Amino acid sequence: MSMLEVERWQRRLSSVLQPLGRPYGLVMRCREAAYRKGWLSSWRPPVPCVSVGNISWGGSGKSPLCSKLLEWSLAQGLLPALLSRGYKSIPPELPYLVEPTSPVRQSGDEPLMLARRHPGAAVIVDPSRSRASRWVVSRFKPDLLILDDAFQHLALERDVDLVVLTAEDFFRDWNRVLPAGRWREGGQALSRASAFMLHIAPEELSRHREAILDRLSGFAKPIFSFFLISHGVQRVIDGSWVSAVPGEYLLVSAVGSPQRVAATAEESLGRPPREHLVYPDHHFYSESDWFRIRDRSDRLGCSAVVCTSKDGVKLEPWADKRLSALEVDLDFGPSLNAPSDFPSWLAARLF
């Protein structure tokens, strides 16, 4: 079942599910208290550690932010190590060091994408961040640990907790805890954040500034915003840049927020797709999937198939010249309640 289908059922059954969110939130609060009081053990790495996470499930922009942190730390002359659980991956061993040539089924889509984009970094897959952190510290002596999707992973202590929030978190989903909504914890958990990272366009931030401040001002934490911009389209088969995508195109994605992918594609290519084939988040494509995509493209009269870079690493084994991936980068927007820009603030917190 896709995220959109789950949300439809949540809306239909809201009166039944809403009361169930309270005991789930209580369990999560008790778990947090157990770590805080030392009843559950945690480990502090001997190097600076940054967690990138969110309070809701689904796509929010964590991977682009992790990519930006890797880019920033490499530019500072640091050796960063990114730790990921590698959702849906089947690594041959744990911890698993992801190489640019690693099979995507072993590494997972996002870890492989990050390892290819930042070959100077160490990307490690392991559901146990504590085990992975001990291993990578011993083997690689990194200068910085970056934890992907780890806001709820309290067994590993961190110096900075970055919590990614979207516009949906502030309005439609605010404090709607599973199973009634998408939040993994109740709103009080946001007090653990070191800073809030808003995935929101500058004009939308300006429009909703007062509502956002009303939600977050009580936490007294800096608020940084970011948005994604496309910097081109790359042919998956050989990595060459495509100057233009002529004619109609079929869009394919298996991500947490397909609507954002569609908006980015329309903005980058100047027109919407002829059709958008949406697969579940982190779906591993098969050869039959590619045949279906190719046949649908032919039936619609599309001259190109466009996907995300995360989808590109999974469709690569069957790619032909028609398949291209949208390459996006992260840019920082306005800040609220912040003493400086995000890179300066982060450096001051870590070093």
Protein backbone atom coordinates (compact mmCIF):
# COMPACT_ATOMS: atom_id res chain seq x y z
CA MET A 1 0.00 0.00 0.00
CA SER A 2 1.40 3.40 -0.97
CA MET A 3 1.69 6.35 1.40
CA LEU A 4 -1.15 8.13 -0.42
CA GLU A 5 -3.43 5.12 0.07
CA VAL A 6 -2.50 4.92 3.77
CA GLU A 7 -3.34 8.61 4.20
CA ARG A 8 -6.71 8.11 2.49
CA TRP A 9 -7.57 5.31 4.93
CA GLN A 10 -6.37 7.42 7.86
CA ARG A 11 -8.74 10.21 6.84
CA ARG A 12 -11.66 7.80 6.43
CA LEU A 13 -11.04 6.16 9.83
CA SER A 14 -9.85 9.25 11.70
CA SER A 15 -12.51 9.01 14.40
CA VAL A 16 -11.41 5.44 15.19
CA LEU A 17 -7.66 5.92 14.82
CA GLN A 18 -7.25 9.26 16.62
CA PRO A 19 -7.61 7.79 20.14
CA LEU A 20 -5.03 5.09 19.31
CA GLY A 21 -2.37 7.75 18.68
CA ARG A 22 -2.31 8.72 22.36
CA PRO A 23 -1.09 5.36 23.74
CA TYR A 24 1.44 5.10 20.91
CA GLY A 25 2.76 8.57 21.76
CA LEU A 26 2.94 7.58 25.44
CA VAL A 27 5.04 4.51 24.60
CA MET A 28 7.47 6.70 22.65
CA ARG A 29 7.70 9.19 25.54
CA CYS A 30 8.48 6.35 27.97
CA ARG A 31 11.16 5.06 25.62
CA GLU A 32 12.75 8.52 25.41
CA ALA A 33 12.69 8.82 29.21
CA ALA A 34 14.34 5.40 29.57
CA TYR A 35 17.28 6.54 27.44
CA ARG A 36 17.48 9.90 29.22
CA LYS A 37 17.62 8.26 32.66
CA GLY A 38 20.12 5.61 31.56
CA TRP A 39 17.74 2.66 31.89
CA LEU A 40 18.46 1.90 28.23
CA SER A 41 22.13 2.13 27.23
CA SER A 42 23.48 4.53 24.63
CA TRP A 43 26.95 5.24 23.24
CA ARG A 44 28.64 8.58 22.52
CA PRO A 45 31.11 8.44 19.60
CA PRO A 46 34.55 10.03 20.11
CA VAL A 47 33.99 12.33 17.09
CA PRO A 48 31.32 14.99 16.35
CA CYS A 49 28.01 13.45 15.35
CA VAL A 50 25.04 14.97 13.48
CA SER A 51 21.64 13.32 13.16
CA VAL A 52 19.30 14.13 10.28
CA GLY A 53 15.77 12.93 10.92
CA ASN A 54 12.12 13.85 11.03
CA ILE A 55 9.14 13.35 13.26
CA SER A 56 6.91 12.00 10.49
CA TRP A 57 7.30 9.06 8.15
CA GLY A 58 7.61 9.50 4.42
CA GLY A 59 9.74 11.74 2.24
CA SER A 60 10.75 15.08 3.68
CA GLY A 61 14.13 15.93 2.14
CA LYS A 62 16.47 14.08 4.52
CA SER A 63 18.62 12.57 1.74
CA PRO A 64 19.35 15.90 -0.01
CA LEU A 65 20.24 17.39 3.38
CA CYS A 66 22.58 14.46 4.13
CA SER A 67 24.13 14.98 0.71
CA LYS A 68 24.66 18.68 1.47
CA LEU A 69 26.31 17.82 4.80
CA LEU A 70 28.67 15.41 3.03
CA GLU A 71 29.50 18.05 0.44
CA TRP A 72 30.09 20.68 3.15
CA SER A 73 32.31 18.47 5.30
CA LEU A 74 34.43 17.31 2.34
CA ALA A 75 34.89 20.96 1.32
CA GLN A 76 36.22 21.64 4.85
CA GLY A 77 38.88 18.95 4.36
CA LEU A 78 37.10 16.55 6.72
CA LEU A 79 36.50 12.83 6.31
CA PRO A 80 32.77 12.26 6.91
CA ALA A 81 31.05 8.93 7.46
CA LEU A 82 27.34 8.57 6.80
CA LEU A 83 25.46 5.81 8.61
CA SER A 84 22.22 4.55 7.08
CA ARG A 85 19.95 1.65 7.90
CA GLY A 86 19.69 0.95 4.16
CA TYR A 87 15.94 0.48 4.06
CA LYS A 88 14.94 -2.67 2.13
CA SER A 89 18.60 -3.48 1.34
CA ILE A 90 20.08 -6.96 1.74
CA PRO A 91 23.77 -6.40 2.58
CA PRO A 92 26.06 -9.45 2.52
CA GLU A 93 27.52 -8.44 5.88
CA LEU A 94 26.98 -5.90 8.64
CA PRO A 95 28.27 -3.25 8.82
CA TYR A 96 28.45 -2.90 5.04
CA LEU A 97 30.69 -0.36 3.33
CA VAL A 98 28.92 1.01 0.24
CA GLU A 99 31.16 1.52 -2.78
CA PRO A 100 30.14 3.41 -5.95
CA THR A 101 30.10 0.01 -7.69
CA SER A 102 28.06 -1.79 -5.00
CA PRO A 103 24.94 -3.68 -6.15
CA VAL A 104 21.93 -1.54 -5.34
CA ARG A 105 20.07 -4.49 -3.79
CA GLN A 106 22.88 -4.88 -1.25
CA SER A 107 23.42 -1.20 -0.50
CA GLY A 108 19.96 0.32 -0.82
CA ASP A 109 19.04 3.12 -3.21
CA GLU A 110 19.85 6.21 -1.16
CA PRO A 111 23.19 4.94 0.26
CA LEU A 112 24.38 4.01 -3.24
CA MET A 113 23.28 7.36 -4.63
CA LEU A 114 25.21 9.17 -1.87
CA ALA A 115 28.31 6.97 -2.25
CA ARG A 116 28.42 7.76 -5.98
CA ARG A 117 27.86 11.47 -5.46
CA HIS A 118 30.48 11.75 -2.68
CA PRO A 119 33.22 9.15 -3.30
CA GLY A 120 35.47 10.80 -0.69
CA ALA A 121 33.05 9.89 2.11
CA ALA A 122 32.46 6.58 3.85
CA VAL A 123 28.85 5.40 3.50
CA ILE A 124 27.90 2.55 5.84
CA VAL A 125 24.71 0.46 5.90
CA ASP A 126 23.64 -1.16 9.16
CA PRO A 127 20.30 -1.12 11.02
CA SER A 128 22.34 -0.71 14.23
CA ARG A 129 23.88 2.76 14.11
CA SER A 130 25.76 2.02 17.35
CA ARG A 131 27.50 -1.00 15.85
CA ALA A 132 28.18 0.84 12.59
CA SER A 133 29.60 3.88 14.39
CA ARG A 134 32.03 1.79 16.45
CA TRP A 135 33.13 -0.04 13.32
CA VAL A 136 33.65 3.02 11.15
CA VAL A 137 35.44 4.95 13.92
CA SER A 138 37.83 2.04 14.43
CA ARG A 139 38.43 1.39 10.72
CA PHE A 140 38.37 4.83 9.06
CA LYS A 141 38.99 7.37 11.87
CA PRO A 142 36.39 9.81 10.44
CA ASP A 143 36.22 13.45 11.51
CA LEU A 144 32.41 13.56 11.47
CA LEU A 145 29.54 11.09 11.71
CA ILE A 146 26.25 11.81 9.92
CA LEU A 147 23.26 9.71 10.93
CA ASP A 148 20.55 9.39 8.28
CA ASP A 149 16.94 9.11 9.51
CA ALA A 150 17.99 8.83 13.15
CA PHE A 151 15.85 11.22 15.20
CA GLN A 152 14.24 8.22 16.94
CA HIS A 153 17.49 6.20 17.10
CA LEU A 154 18.41 7.15 20.66
CA ALA A 155 20.98 4.40 21.28
CA LEU A 156 23.61 6.59 19.63
CA GLU A 157 24.24 10.01 21.19
CA ARG A 158 24.76 12.99 18.93
CA ASP A 159 26.00 16.57 19.18
CA VAL A 160 23.45 18.04 16.78
CA ASP A 161 19.91 16.83 16.09
CA LEU A 162 18.50 18.29 12.86
CA VAL A 163 14.76 17.72 12.46
CA VAL A 164 13.34 18.14 8.96
CA LEU A 165 9.79 19.50 8.77
CA THR A 166 7.54 20.12 5.77
CA ALA A 167 4.54 22.37 5.25
CA GLU A 168 2.29 19.31 5.72
CA ASP A 169 3.78 18.78 9.19
CA PHE A 170 2.67 22.26 10.25
CA PHE A 171 -0.87 22.16 8.98
CA ARG A 172 -2.47 18.89 7.86
CA ASP A 173 -0.41 16.55 10.06
CA TRP A 174 0.53 18.59 13.13
CA ASN A 175 0.77 16.25 16.16
CA ARG A 176 -1.26 13.50 14.45
CA VAL A 177 0.56 10.44 15.79
CA LEU A 178 0.48 6.96 14.25
CA PRO A 179 -1.81 5.24 13.45
CA ALA A 180 -4.06 8.31 13.07
CA GLY A 181 -1.43 10.34 11.21
CA ARG A 182 2.16 10.34 9.96
CA TRP A 183 3.97 11.44 13.12
CA ARG A 184 6.21 8.86 14.81
CA GLU A 185 6.12 10.75 18.13
CA GLY A 186 4.05 13.45 19.77
CA GLY A 187 4.92 17.13 19.44
CA GLN A 188 6.81 17.26 22.75
CA ALA A 189 9.57 15.17 21.12
CA LEU A 190 10.56 18.22 19.07
CA SER A 191 12.21 19.59 22.21
CA ARG A 192 15.11 17.18 21.49
CA ALA A 193 15.93 19.05 18.26
CA SER A 194 19.01 21.26 18.06
CA ALA A 195 17.53 23.05 15.05
CA PHE A 196 14.56 22.76 12.72
CA MET A 197 15.19 22.36 8.99
CA LEU A 198 12.14 23.47 7.01
CA HIS A 199 11.78 21.97 3.54
CA ILE A 200 9.82 24.86 2.11
CA ALA A 201 10.15 27.36 -0.75
CA PRO A 202 11.04 30.95 0.27
CA GLU A 203 7.71 32.35 -0.94
CA GLU A 204 5.78 29.70 1.00
CA LEU A 205 7.85 30.40 4.12
CA SER A 206 7.02 34.10 3.81
CA ARG A 207 3.31 33.29 3.44
CA HIS A 208 3.21 30.98 6.48
CA ARG A 209 5.85 32.66 8.63
CA GLU A 210 3.55 33.58 11.53
CA ALA A 211 1.91 30.13 11.67
CA ILE A 212 5.32 28.42 11.65
CA LEU A 213 6.66 30.67 14.40
CA ASP A 214 3.52 30.04 16.41
CA ARG A 215 4.14 26.28 16.23
CA LEU A 216 7.88 26.38 16.95
CA SER A 217 8.63 29.47 19.02
CA GLY A 218 8.05 27.62 22.29
CA PHE A 219 11.02 25.34 21.57
CA ALA A 220 13.47 28.30 21.29
CA LYS A 221 15.56 26.63 18.59
CA PRO A 222 16.98 28.11 15.36
CA ILE A 223 14.90 27.54 12.26
CA PHE A 224 16.62 27.12 8.88
CA SER A 225 14.83 26.65 5.58
CA PHE A 226 15.91 24.88 2.42
CA PHE A 227 14.49 24.01 -0.96
CA LEU A 228 15.49 21.76 -3.85
CA ILE A 229 16.53 23.04 -7.25
CA SER A 230 17.17 21.01 -10.37
CA HIS A 231 20.58 21.46 -11.95
CA GLY A 232 20.04 19.29 -14.99
CA VAL A 233 19.07 15.93 -16.39
CA GLN A 234 21.53 13.06 -16.75
CA ARG A 235 21.20 10.05 -19.01
CA VAL A 236 21.21 7.01 -16.74
CA ILE A 237 22.96 4.69 -19.19
CA ASP A 238 26.20 6.69 -19.39
CA GLY A 239 25.91 9.69 -17.04
CA SER A 240 26.00 12.24 -19.87
CA TRP A 241 24.10 15.48 -19.40
CA VAL A 242 20.99 15.98 -21.51
CA SER A 243 20.64 19.49 -22.88
CA ALA A 244 16.89 19.11 -23.47
CA VAL A 245 14.13 16.53 -23.15
CA PRO A 246 12.12 16.91 -26.36
CA GLY A 247 8.44 16.14 -26.72
CA GLU A 248 6.28 14.30 -24.22
CA TYR A 249 7.87 12.44 -21.33
CA LEU A 250 6.77 9.76 -18.86
CA LEU A 251 7.70 10.43 -15.23
CA VAL A 252 8.55 7.47 -12.95
CA SER A 253 9.20 7.63 -9.21
CA ALA A 254 9.35 5.44 -6.12
CA VAL A 255 9.80 8.07 -3.40
CA GLY A 256 8.05 9.26 -0.28
CA SER A 257 6.68 12.46 -1.87
CA PRO A 258 5.78 11.81 -5.52
CA GLN A 259 3.93 15.14 -5.74
CA ARG A 260 7.20 16.98 -5.07
CA VAL A 261 8.93 15.00 -7.80
CA ALA A 262 6.19 15.96 -10.26
CA ALA A 263 6.51 19.64 -9.30
CA THR A 264 10.31 19.54 -9.68
CA ALA A 265 10.05 17.83 -13.06
CA GLU A 266 7.53 20.38 -14.33
CA GLU A 267 9.66 23.28 -13.12
CA SER A 268 12.89 21.82 -14.53
CA LEU A 269 11.54 20.70 -17.90
CA GLY A 270 9.03 23.51 -18.39
CA ARG A 271 5.99 21.28 -18.69
CA PRO A 272 4.22 18.50 -16.77
CA PRO A 273 4.73 14.84 -17.65
CA ARG A 274 2.33 13.07 -19.97
CA GLU A 275 1.78 10.65 -17.09
CA HIS A 276 3.36 9.88 -13.72
CA LEU A 277 3.90 6.22 -12.80
CA VAL A 278 4.14 6.09 -8.99
CA TYR A 279 5.65 3.10 -7.18
CA PRO A 280 5.94 2.59 -3.39
CA ASP A 281 8.85 4.36 -1.70
CA HIS A 282 12.17 2.46 -2.05
CA HIS A 283 10.61 0.03 -4.55
CA PHE A 284 13.26 -2.15 -6.19
CA TYR A 285 12.43 -2.35 -9.87
CA SER A 286 12.45 -5.62 -11.77
CA GLU A 287 12.99 -6.25 -15.45
CA SER A 288 9.22 -6.65 -15.85
CA ASP A 289 8.76 -3.21 -14.26
CA TRP A 290 11.06 -1.74 -16.88
CA PHE A 291 9.15 -3.50 -19.66
CA ARG A 292 5.93 -1.99 -18.27
CA ILE A 293 7.51 1.48 -18.11
CA ARG A 294 8.91 1.20 -21.64
CA ASP A 295 5.62 -0.10 -23.05
CA ARG A 296 3.63 2.63 -21.31
CA SER A 297 6.01 5.22 -22.72
CA ASP A 298 5.49 3.84 -26.22
CA ARG A 299 1.70 3.74 -25.87
CA LEU A 300 1.62 7.37 -24.73
CA GLY A 301 3.91 8.48 -27.54
CA CYS A 302 6.60 9.69 -25.13
CA SER A 303 10.11 10.20 -26.44
CA ALA A 304 11.68 10.11 -22.96
CA VAL A 305 11.32 8.53 -19.52
CA VAL A 306 12.39 10.71 -16.60
CA CYS A 307 13.01 9.52 -13.04
CA THR A 308 14.75 10.68 -9.85
CA SER A 309 18.43 9.95 -9.21
CA LYS A 310 17.32 7.51 -6.49
CA ASP A 311 15.25 5.63 -9.06
CA GLY A 312 18.03 5.85 -11.62
CA VAL A 313 20.44 3.66 -9.61
CA LYS A 314 17.75 0.95 -9.50
CA LEU A 315 16.68 1.16 -13.14
CA GLU A 316 20.26 1.32 -14.42
CA PRO A 317 20.58 -2.41 -15.34
CA TRP A 318 17.89 -2.06 -18.03
CA ALA A 319 18.31 1.59 -18.98
CA ASP A 320 18.43 2.67 -22.60
CA LYS A 321 18.94 6.12 -24.09
CA ARG A 322 15.40 7.20 -23.36
CA LEU A 323 15.87 7.06 -19.54
CA SER A 324 17.17 10.19 -17.79
CA ALA A 325 17.36 11.21 -14.14
CA LEU A 326 16.59 14.60 -12.63
CA GLU A 327 19.59 15.79 -10.63
CA VAL A 328 18.66 18.11 -7.77
CA ASP A 329 20.67 20.14 -5.30
CA LEU A 330 19.77 21.76 -2.02
CA ASP A 331 19.86 25.50 -1.47
CA PHE A 332 19.29 27.33 1.82
CA GLY A 333 16.54 29.89 2.16
CA PRO A 334 15.73 32.42 4.91
CA SER A 335 16.39 31.61 8.57
CA LEU A 336 14.22 32.38 11.60
CA ASN A 337 15.44 32.80 15.19
CA ALA A 338 18.97 31.96 13.99
CA PRO A 339 22.18 33.82 14.92
CA SER A 340 23.85 33.05 11.58
CA ASP A 341 23.52 31.07 8.36
CA PHE A 342 23.27 27.30 8.69
CA PRO A 343 26.87 26.32 7.73
CA SER A 344 28.31 28.84 10.23
CA TRP A 345 25.90 27.75 12.95
CA LEU A 346 26.73 24.07 12.37
CA ALA A 347 30.50 24.63 12.42
CA ALA A 348 30.21 26.56 15.68
CA ARG A 349 28.18 23.71 17.25
CA LEU A 350 30.54 20.95 16.14
CA PHE A 351 34.08 22.32 16.29
